[in-house]
PDB file of N, CA and C in Angstrom:
ATOM      1  N   MET A   1      -1.624 -16.084  32.666  1.00  0.00           N
ATOM      2  CA  MET A   1      -1.470 -15.657  31.176  1.00  0.00           C
ATOM      3  C   MET A   1      -2.787 -15.756  30.215  1.00  0.00           C
ATOM      4  N   ASN A   2      -2.922 -15.069  29.630  1.00  0.00           N
ATOM      5  CA  ASN A   2      -4.181 -15.776  28.755  1.00  0.00           C
ATOM      6  C   ASN A   2      -3.940 -16.076  26.867  1.00  0.00           C
ATOM      7  N   LYS A   3      -4.657 -16.027  26.421  1.00  0.00           N
ATOM      8  CA  LYS A   3      -4.456 -17.111  25.614  1.00  0.00           C
ATOM      9  C   LYS A   3      -3.755 -16.303  24.232  1.00  0.00           C
ATOM     10  N   LYS A   4      -3.526 -15.145  24.048  1.00  0.00           N
ATOM     11  CA  LYS A   4      -3.299 -14.071  23.384  1.00  0.00           C
ATOM     12  C   LYS A   4      -1.731 -14.137  23.415  1.00  0.00           C
ATOM     13  N   THR A   5      -1.682 -14.179  24.531  1.00  0.00           N
ATOM     14  CA  THR A   5      -0.075 -13.914  24.691  1.00  0.00           C
ATOM     15  C   THR A   5       0.862 -15.329  24.930  1.00  0.00           C
ATOM     16  N   LYS A   6      -0.175 -16.628  24.961  1.00  0.00           N
ATOM     17  CA  LYS A   6       0.680 -17.455  24.830  1.00  0.00           C
ATOM     18  C   LYS A   6       0.773 -17.802  23.333  1.00  0.00           C
ATOM     19  N   VAL A   7      -0.298 -16.889  22.347  1.00  0.00           N
ATOM     20  CA  VAL A   7       0.063 -17.534  20.994  1.00  0.00           C
ATOM     21  C   VAL A   7       1.238 -16.227  20.277  1.00  0.00           C
ATOM     22  N   ARG A   8       1.058 -15.383  21.126  1.00  0.00           N
ATOM     23  CA  ARG A   8       2.150 -13.958  20.538  1.00  0.00           C
ATOM     24  C   ARG A   8       3.896 -14.510  21.454  1.00  0.00           C
ATOM     25  N   ILE A   9       3.931 -15.321  21.958  1.00  0.00           N
ATOM     26  CA  ILE A   9       5.146 -15.743  22.726  1.00  0.00           C
ATOM     27  C   ILE A   9       5.179 -16.970  21.612  1.00  0.00           C
ATOM     28  N   LEU A  10       4.564 -17.851  21.479  1.00  0.00           N
ATOM     29  CA  LEU A  10       5.049 -19.140  20.403  1.00  0.00           C
ATOM     30  C   LEU A  10       5.073 -18.583  19.148  1.00  0.00           C
ATOM     31  N   TRP A  11       4.591 -17.072  18.380  1.00  0.00           N
ATOM     32  CA  TRP A  11       4.952 -16.190  17.443  1.00  0.00           C
ATOM     33  C   TRP A  11       6.549 -16.035  17.399  1.00  0.00           C
ATOM     34  N   TYR A  12       6.713 -15.614  18.378  1.00  0.00           N
ATOM     35  CA  TYR A  12       7.656 -15.231  18.687  1.00  0.00           C
ATOM     36  C   TYR A  12       9.006 -16.139  18.530  1.00  0.00           C
ATOM     37  N   LEU A  13       8.923 -16.960  19.372  1.00  0.00           N
ATOM     38  CA  LEU A  13       9.766 -18.400  19.338  1.00  0.00           C
ATOM     39  C   LEU A  13       9.651 -19.370  17.782  1.00  0.00           C
ATOM     40  N   SER A  14       8.754 -19.342  17.346  1.00  0.00           N
ATOM     41  CA  SER A  14       8.646 -19.810  15.487  1.00  0.00           C
ATOM     42  C   SER A  14       9.836 -18.435  14.850  1.00  0.00           C
ATOM     43  N   PHE A  15       9.871 -17.350  14.648  1.00  0.00           N
ATOM     44  CA  PHE A  15      10.392 -16.360  13.954  1.00  0.00           C
ATOM     45  C   PHE A  15      11.732 -16.789  14.379  1.00  0.00           C
ATOM     46  N   LEU A  16      12.106 -17.172  15.662  1.00  0.00           N
ATOM     47  CA  LEU A  16      13.693 -17.086  16.050  1.00  0.00           C
ATOM     48  C   LEU A  16      14.348 -18.613  15.799  1.00  0.00           C
ATOM     49  N   VAL A  17      13.484 -19.348  15.828  1.00  0.00           N
ATOM     50  CA  VAL A  17      13.596 -20.301  14.959  1.00  0.00           C
ATOM     51  C   VAL A  17      14.144 -20.468  13.508  1.00  0.00           C
ATOM     52  N   ILE A  18      13.122 -19.616  13.044  1.00  0.00           N
ATOM     53  CA  ILE A  18      13.552 -19.762  11.281  1.00  0.00           C
ATOM     54  C   ILE A  18      14.492 -19.181  11.163  1.00  0.00           C
ATOM     55  N   PHE A  19      14.590 -17.766  11.746  1.00  0.00           N
ATOM     56  CA  PHE A  19      15.710 -16.597  11.426  1.00  0.00           C
ATOM     57  C   PHE A  19      17.291 -17.517  11.746  1.00  0.00           C
ATOM     58  N   LEU A  20      17.003 -18.218  12.998  1.00  0.00           N
ATOM     59  CA  LEU A  20      18.571 -19.151  13.689  1.00  0.00           C
ATOM     60  C   LEU A  20      18.579 -20.327  12.161  1.00  0.00           C
ATOM     61  N   ILE A  21      17.788 -20.484  11.595  1.00  0.00           N
ATOM     62  CA  ILE A  21      17.815 -21.978  11.015  1.00  0.00           C
ATOM     63  C   ILE A  21      18.633 -21.417   9.190  1.00  0.00           C
ATOM     64  N   VAL A  22      17.607 -19.822   8.403  1.00  0.00           N
ATOM     65  CA  VAL A  22      18.502 -19.638   7.899  1.00  0.00           C
ATOM     66  C   VAL A  22      19.372 -18.596   7.900  1.00  0.00           C
ATOM     67  N   TRP A  23      19.506 -18.296   9.008  1.00  0.00           N
ATOM     68  CA  TRP A  23      21.069 -17.503   9.133  1.00  0.00           C
ATOM     69  C   TRP A  23      22.335 -18.834   9.487  1.00  0.00           C
ATOM     70  N   THR A  24      22.105 -19.808   9.573  1.00  0.00           N
ATOM     71  CA  THR A  24      23.100 -20.923   9.980  1.00  0.00           C
ATOM     72  C   THR A  24      23.084 -21.412   8.190  1.00  0.00           C
ATOM     73  N   ILE A  25      22.123 -21.529   7.593  1.00  0.00           N
ATOM     74  CA  ILE A  25      22.463 -22.185   6.206  1.00  0.00           C
ATOM     75  C   ILE A  25      23.361 -21.393   5.489  1.00  0.00           C
ATOM     76  N   LEU A  26      22.908 -19.846   5.530  1.00  0.00           N
ATOM     77  CA  LEU A  26      23.886 -18.390   4.614  1.00  0.00           C
ATOM     78  C   LEU A  26      25.052 -18.642   5.388  1.00  0.00           C
ATOM     79  N   HIS A  27      25.118 -18.605   6.843  1.00  0.00           N
ATOM     80  CA  HIS A  27      27.015 -18.386   7.041  1.00  0.00           C
ATOM     81  C   HIS A  27      27.298 -20.091   6.487  1.00  0.00           C
ATOM     82  N   PHE A  28      27.243 -20.891   6.668  1.00  0.00           N
ATOM     83  CA  PHE A  28      27.681 -22.242   5.836  1.00  0.00           C
ATOM     84  C   PHE A  28      27.616 -21.970   4.191  1.00  0.00           C
ATOM     85  N   ALA A  29      26.682 -21.815   3.514  1.00  0.00           N
ATOM     86  CA  ALA A  29      26.766 -21.568   2.157  1.00  0.00           C
ATOM     87  C   ALA A  29      27.574 -20.526   1.592  1.00  0.00           C
ATOM     88  N   PHE A  30      27.609 -19.172   2.170  1.00  0.00           N
ATOM     89  CA  PHE A  30      28.697 -18.186   1.697  1.00  0.00           C
ATOM     90  C   PHE A  30      29.107 -17.538   2.589  1.00  0.00           C
ATOM     91  N   LYS A  31      30.667 -18.260   2.451  1.00  0.00           N
ATOM     92  CA  LYS A  31      31.287 -17.601   3.520  1.00  0.00           C
ATOM     93  C   LYS A  31      32.214 -16.090   3.199  1.00  0.00           C
ATOM     94  N   ASN A  32      31.863 -15.414   2.273  1.00  0.00           N
ATOM     95  CA  ASN A  32      32.225 -14.106   2.316  1.00  0.00           C
ATOM     96  C   ASN A  32      31.002 -12.977   2.557  1.00  0.00           C
ATOM     97  N   LEU A  33      29.794 -13.512   2.483  1.00  0.00           N
ATOM     98  CA  LEU A  33      28.812 -12.796   3.149  1.00  0.00           C
ATOM     99  C   LEU A  33      29.527 -12.184   4.522  1.00  0.00           C
ATOM    100  N   GLU A  34      28.610 -10.698   4.144  1.00  0.00           N
ATOM    101  CA  GLU A  34      29.259 -10.086   5.858  1.00  0.00           C
ATOM    102  C   GLU A  34      27.598 -10.436   6.757  1.00  0.00           C
ATOM    103  N   SER A  35      28.216 -10.285   8.423  1.00  0.00           N
ATOM    104  CA  SER A  35      27.149 -10.585   9.098  1.00  0.00           C
ATOM    105  C   SER A  35      25.864  -9.662   9.165  1.00  0.00           C
ATOM    106  N   PRO A  36      26.229  -8.390   9.022  1.00  0.00           N
ATOM    107  CA  PRO A  36      24.700  -7.490   8.552  1.00  0.00           C
ATOM    108  C   PRO A  36      23.743  -8.420   7.618  1.00  0.00           C
ATOM    109  N   TYR A  37      24.201  -8.002   6.291  1.00  0.00           N
ATOM    110  CA  TYR A  37      23.751  -8.866   5.305  1.00  0.00           C
ATOM    111  C   TYR A  37      23.222  -9.825   5.696  1.00  0.00           C
ATOM    112  N   LYS A  38      23.267 -10.990   6.470  1.00  0.00           N
ATOM    113  CA  LYS A  38      22.980 -11.921   6.766  1.00  0.00           C
ATOM    114  C   LYS A  38      21.772 -12.137   7.518  1.00  0.00           C
ATOM    115  N   GLY A  39      22.110 -10.988   8.787  1.00  0.00           N
ATOM    116  CA  GLY A  39      20.978 -10.571   9.481  1.00  0.00           C
ATOM    117  C   GLY A  39      19.977 -10.136   8.406  1.00  0.00           C
ATOM    118  N   MET A  40      20.299  -9.057   7.333  1.00  0.00           N
ATOM    119  CA  MET A  40      19.057  -8.937   7.071  1.00  0.00           C
ATOM    120  C   MET A  40      18.381  -9.531   5.684  1.00  0.00           C
ATOM    121  N   ILE A  41      18.885 -10.309   5.519  1.00  0.00           N
ATOM    122  CA  ILE A  41      18.612 -11.461   4.239  1.00  0.00           C
ATOM    123  C   ILE A  41      17.480 -12.177   5.192  1.00  0.00           C
ATOM    124  N   SER A  42      17.771 -13.079   6.644  1.00  0.00           N
ATOM    125  CA  SER A  42      17.631 -14.023   7.306  1.00  0.00           C
ATOM    126  C   SER A  42      16.174 -12.878   8.185  1.00  0.00           C
ATOM    127  N   GLY A  43      16.241 -12.226   8.003  1.00  0.00           N
ATOM    128  CA  GLY A  43      14.859 -11.435   8.938  1.00  0.00           C
ATOM    129  C   GLY A  43      13.840 -11.551   7.521  1.00  0.00           C
ATOM    130  N   GLY A  44      14.109 -10.970   6.724  1.00  0.00           N
ATOM    131  CA  GLY A  44      13.199 -10.577   5.382  1.00  0.00           C
ATOM    132  C   GLY A  44      12.447 -12.442   5.107  1.00  0.00           C
ATOM    133  N   ILE A  45      13.517 -13.275   4.862  1.00  0.00           N
ATOM    134  CA  ILE A  45      13.005 -14.485   5.335  1.00  0.00           C
ATOM    135  C   ILE A  45      12.241 -15.000   6.301  1.00  0.00           C
ATOM    136  N   SER A  46      12.432 -14.698   7.030  1.00  0.00           N
ATOM    137  CA  SER A  46      11.712 -15.213   8.609  1.00  0.00           C
ATOM    138  C   SER A  46      10.440 -14.540   8.531  1.00  0.00           C
ATOM    139  N   ALA A  47      10.469 -13.216   8.314  1.00  0.00           N
ATOM    140  CA  ALA A  47       9.041 -12.322   8.213  1.00  0.00           C
ATOM    141  C   ALA A  47       8.241 -12.859   7.434  1.00  0.00           C
ATOM    142  N   LEU A  48       8.756 -13.503   6.268  1.00  0.00           N
ATOM    143  CA  LEU A  48       7.931 -14.041   5.274  1.00  0.00           C
ATOM    144  C   LEU A  48       6.832 -15.409   5.406  1.00  0.00           C
ATOM    145  N   LEU A  49       8.182 -16.412   6.204  1.00  0.00           N
ATOM    146  CA  LEU A  49       7.952 -17.348   6.145  1.00  0.00           C
ATOM    147  C   LEU A  49       7.522 -17.836   7.449  1.00  0.00           C
ATOM    148  N   ALA A  50       7.041 -17.162   8.676  1.00  0.00           N
ATOM    149  CA  ALA A  50       7.037 -16.910  10.360  1.00  0.00           C
ATOM    150  C   ALA A  50       5.252 -17.051  10.024  1.00  0.00           C
ATOM    151  N   PRO A  51       4.722 -17.597  11.027  1.00  0.00           N
ATOM    152  CA  PRO A  51       3.168 -17.710  10.888  1.00  0.00           C
ATOM    153  C   PRO A  51       2.777 -15.877  11.614  1.00  0.00           C
ATOM    154  N   ARG A  52       0.959 -15.582  11.010  1.00  0.00           N
ATOM    155  CA  ARG A  52       0.770 -14.607  11.112  1.00  0.00           C
ATOM    156  C   ARG A  52      -0.453 -14.906  12.100  1.00  0.00           C
ATOM    157  N   ILE A  53      -0.608 -14.017  13.384  1.00  0.00           N
ATOM    158  CA  ILE A  53      -1.447 -14.081  14.194  1.00  0.00           C
ATOM    159  C   ILE A  53      -3.038 -13.670  13.553  1.00  0.00           C
ATOM    160  N   LYS A  54      -4.121 -14.163  14.029  1.00  0.00           N
ATOM    161  CA  LYS A  54      -5.286 -13.535  13.420  1.00  0.00           C
ATOM    162  C   LYS A  54      -6.219 -14.290  14.490  1.00  0.00           C
ATOM    163  N   GLU A  55      -7.218 -13.048  14.474  1.00  0.00           N
ATOM    164  CA  GLU A  55      -8.252 -13.382  15.201  1.00  0.00           C
ATOM    165  C   GLU A  55      -9.386 -12.726  14.593  1.00  0.00           C
ATOM    166  N   TYR A  56     -10.479 -14.092  14.979  1.00  0.00           N
ATOM    167  CA  TYR A  56     -11.568 -13.727  14.038  1.00  0.00           C
ATOM    168  C   TYR A  56     -12.788 -14.160  15.215  1.00  0.00           C
ATOM    169  N   GLU A  57     -14.089 -13.953  14.803  1.00  0.00           N
ATOM    170  CA  GLU A  57     -15.268 -13.995  15.493  1.00  0.00           C
ATOM    171  C   GLU A  57     -15.918 -15.082  15.236  1.00  0.00           C
ATOM    172  N   THR A  58     -16.084 -15.750  16.341  1.00  0.00           N
ATOM    173  CA  THR A  58     -17.362 -17.214  16.025  1.00  0.00           C
ATOM    174  C   THR A  58     -18.278 -16.745  16.744  1.00  0.00           C
ATOM    175  N   GLN A  59     -19.083 -17.635  16.743  1.00  0.00           N
ATOM    176  CA  GLN A  59     -20.531 -17.568  17.916  1.00  0.00           C
ATOM    177  C   GLN A  59     -20.133 -17.760  19.317  1.00  0.00           C
ATOM    178  N   SER A  60     -19.069 -18.665  19.700  1.00  0.00           N
ATOM    179  CA  SER A  60     -18.346 -19.071  21.153  1.00  0.00           C
ATOM    180  C   SER A  60     -17.773 -17.274  21.948  1.00  0.00           C
ATOM    181  N   GLY A  61     -17.437 -16.261  20.818  1.00  0.00           N
ATOM    182  CA  GLY A  61     -16.481 -15.577  21.115  1.00  0.00           C
ATOM    183  C   GLY A  61     -15.164 -15.261  19.997  1.00  0.00           C
ATOM    184  N   LYS A  62     -14.856 -14.441  20.292  1.00  0.00           N
ATOM    185  CA  LYS A  62     -13.204 -14.238  19.989  1.00  0.00           C
ATOM    186  C   LYS A  62     -12.134 -15.735  20.035  1.00  0.00           C
ATOM    187  N   GLN A  63     -11.450 -15.923  18.937  1.00  0.00           N
ATOM    188  CA  GLN A  63     -10.515 -16.560  18.509  1.00  0.00           C
ATOM    189  C   GLN A  63      -9.098 -16.139  18.292  1.00  0.00           C
ATOM    190  N   VAL A  64      -7.847 -17.048  18.670  1.00  0.00           N
ATOM    191  CA  VAL A  64      -6.926 -16.596  18.235  1.00  0.00           C
ATOM    192  C   VAL A  64      -6.306 -17.817  17.377  1.00  0.00           C
ATOM    193  N   GLN A  65      -5.698 -17.749  16.369  1.00  0.00           N
ATOM    194  CA  GLN A  65      -5.178 -18.404  15.584  1.00  0.00           C
ATOM    195  C   GLN A  65      -3.820 -18.248  14.738  1.00  0.00           C
ATOM    196  N   LEU A  66      -2.854 -19.126  15.097  1.00  0.00           N
ATOM    197  CA  LEU A  66      -1.706 -18.617  14.518  1.00  0.00           C
ATOM    198  C   LEU A  66      -1.880 -19.276  12.867  1.00  0.00           C
ATOM    199  N   LYS A  67      -1.413 -18.642  11.913  1.00  0.00           N
ATOM    200  CA  LYS A  67      -1.701 -19.068  10.092  1.00  0.00           C
ATOM    201  C   LYS A  67      -0.480 -18.929   9.621  1.00  0.00           C
ATOM    202  N   TRP A  68       0.019 -20.452   8.816  1.00  0.00           N
ATOM    203  CA  TRP A  68       1.080 -20.369   8.255  1.00  0.00           C
ATOM    204  C   TRP A  68       0.866 -20.241   7.209  1.00  0.00           C
ATOM    205  N   PHE A  69       2.162 -20.082   6.186  1.00  0.00           N
ATOM    206  CA  PHE A  69       2.104 -19.870   5.336  1.00  0.00           C
ATOM    207  C   PHE A  69       1.997 -20.832   3.944  1.00  0.00           C
ATOM    208  N   PHE A  70       2.577 -22.297   4.665  1.00  0.00           N
ATOM    209  CA  PHE A  70       2.515 -23.295   4.223  1.00  0.00           C
ATOM    210  C   PHE A  70       1.077 -23.966   3.859  1.00  0.00           C
TER     211      PHE A  70
END
């Protein structure tokens, strides 16, 4: 497995963890909110908070990096 594949797997896992945390918070905070709305809100917030995959060129070659919002 190359480095870019490992970074992409880590990105998907971090997105999933953020999605589940936000969905759980919405589930317990708003009992009357229906599941499709919870999913859409959780997906939008997760897309904003999830890391971005950046590729940049250095003297030693291409580097792959996860860039967080924080």
